[in-house]
Amino acid sequence: MTLVETLLVFAAIPLAIYGVIALLTLREKFAKAPRYRPGQEWEHEPVWWTANPAGLGAAHAAHHTPHNDAPAQPVRTAKGGARGGW
């Protein structure tokens, strides 16, 4: 192998691969996604996440009842607290 072939195989080709990857990641189309900024109006529906969807049960239903059918006292299901008494 000549010196030019060696440089092409061990230097130019890896540099070209890194260059293509860098260009793909630095392009505005890929790097610039619409983001929420403080002060902007939130345009999306709220997403509620729970680690145990089966455990939602009656407490979840009580929070989603219409206002005229809402119980007089809210259902409190939280346990624990700052003291950590479970």
Protein backbone atom coordinates (compact mmCIF):
# COMPACT_ATOMS: atom_id res chain seq x y z
CA MET A 1 0.00 0.00 0.00
CA THR A 2 1.22 3.45 -0.80
CA LEU A 3 1.28 6.35 1.63
CA VAL A 4 -1.72 7.99 -0.07
CA GLU A 5 -3.81 4.82 0.18
CA THR A 6 -2.87 4.44 3.86
CA LEU A 7 -3.88 8.02 4.63
CA LEU A 8 -7.17 7.59 2.78
CA VAL A 9 -8.06 4.40 4.62
CA PHE A 10 -6.94 5.38 8.11
CA ALA A 11 -7.55 9.15 8.12
CA ALA A 12 -9.80 10.45 5.35
CA ILE A 13 -12.55 7.83 5.53
CA PRO A 14 -13.00 8.03 9.35
CA LEU A 15 -12.89 11.84 9.18
CA ALA A 16 -15.52 11.79 6.43
CA ILE A 17 -17.77 9.54 8.53
CA TYR A 18 -17.38 11.81 11.58
CA GLY A 19 -18.05 14.84 9.37
CA VAL A 20 -21.27 13.38 7.98
CA ILE A 21 -22.49 12.50 11.48
CA ALA A 22 -21.59 15.99 12.74
CA LEU A 23 -23.45 17.65 9.87
CA LEU A 24 -26.53 15.52 10.47
CA THR A 25 -26.64 16.35 14.16
CA LEU A 26 -25.88 20.03 13.77
CA ARG A 27 -28.40 20.76 11.04
CA GLU A 28 -31.18 23.12 12.10
CA LYS A 29 -33.84 20.72 10.92
CA PHE A 30 -32.70 18.04 13.37
CA ALA A 31 -31.47 20.22 16.22
CA LYS A 32 -34.25 22.82 16.24
CA ALA A 33 -37.45 21.36 17.64
CA PRO A 34 -40.31 23.48 18.95
CA ARG A 35 -39.80 23.93 22.67
CA TYR A 36 -41.85 25.34 25.47
CA ARG A 37 -40.45 28.53 26.93
CA PRO A 38 -41.56 30.06 30.24
CA GLY A 39 -44.27 32.61 29.64
CA GLN A 40 -45.66 30.92 26.54
CA GLU A 41 -49.19 29.63 26.56
CA TRP A 42 -49.44 25.85 26.98
CA GLU A 43 -51.23 24.48 23.92
CA HIS A 44 -51.41 20.79 24.81
CA GLU A 45 -53.77 18.63 26.82
CA PRO A 46 -52.53 17.73 30.30
CA VAL A 47 -50.97 14.29 30.55
CA TRP A 48 -51.37 12.52 33.86
CA TRP A 49 -48.99 9.68 34.55
CA THR A 50 -49.18 7.05 37.22
CA ALA A 51 -46.90 4.14 37.88
CA ASN A 52 -49.86 1.95 38.79
CA PRO A 53 -52.89 2.62 36.54
CA ALA A 54 -54.82 -0.22 38.18
CA GLY A 55 -54.47 1.51 41.54
CA LEU A 56 -56.36 4.64 40.47
CA GLY A 57 -59.78 3.22 41.38
CA ALA A 58 -62.34 5.34 43.26
CA ALA A 59 -59.98 8.17 44.16
CA HIS A 60 -59.34 8.83 40.47
CA ALA A 61 -63.06 8.71 39.68
CA ALA A 62 -63.85 11.13 42.53
CA HIS A 63 -61.55 13.74 41.05
CA HIS A 64 -63.21 13.49 37.64
CA THR A 65 -66.85 13.78 38.64
CA PRO A 66 -68.85 16.81 37.45
CA HIS A 67 -68.93 19.74 39.89
CA ASN A 68 -72.63 19.38 40.72
CA ASP A 69 -72.13 15.72 41.75
CA ALA A 70 -68.86 16.32 43.62
CA PRO A 71 -68.73 15.13 47.23
CA ALA A 72 -68.79 17.78 49.96
CA GLN A 73 -65.32 16.79 51.20
CA PRO A 74 -62.51 15.78 48.85
CA VAL A 75 -61.36 12.19 49.13
CA ARG A 76 -57.93 12.15 50.74
CA THR A 77 -55.82 9.20 49.73
CA ALA A 78 -52.33 10.53 50.47
CA LYS A 79 -50.37 8.82 53.20
CA GLY A 80 -47.00 9.64 54.63
CA GLY A 81 -45.80 13.19 54.54
CA ALA A 82 -42.77 15.12 55.66
CA ARG A 83 -42.29 12.86 58.67
CA GLY A 84 -42.43 9.79 56.50
CA GLY A 85 -45.04 8.08 58.66
CA TRP A 86 -46.61 5.48 56.41
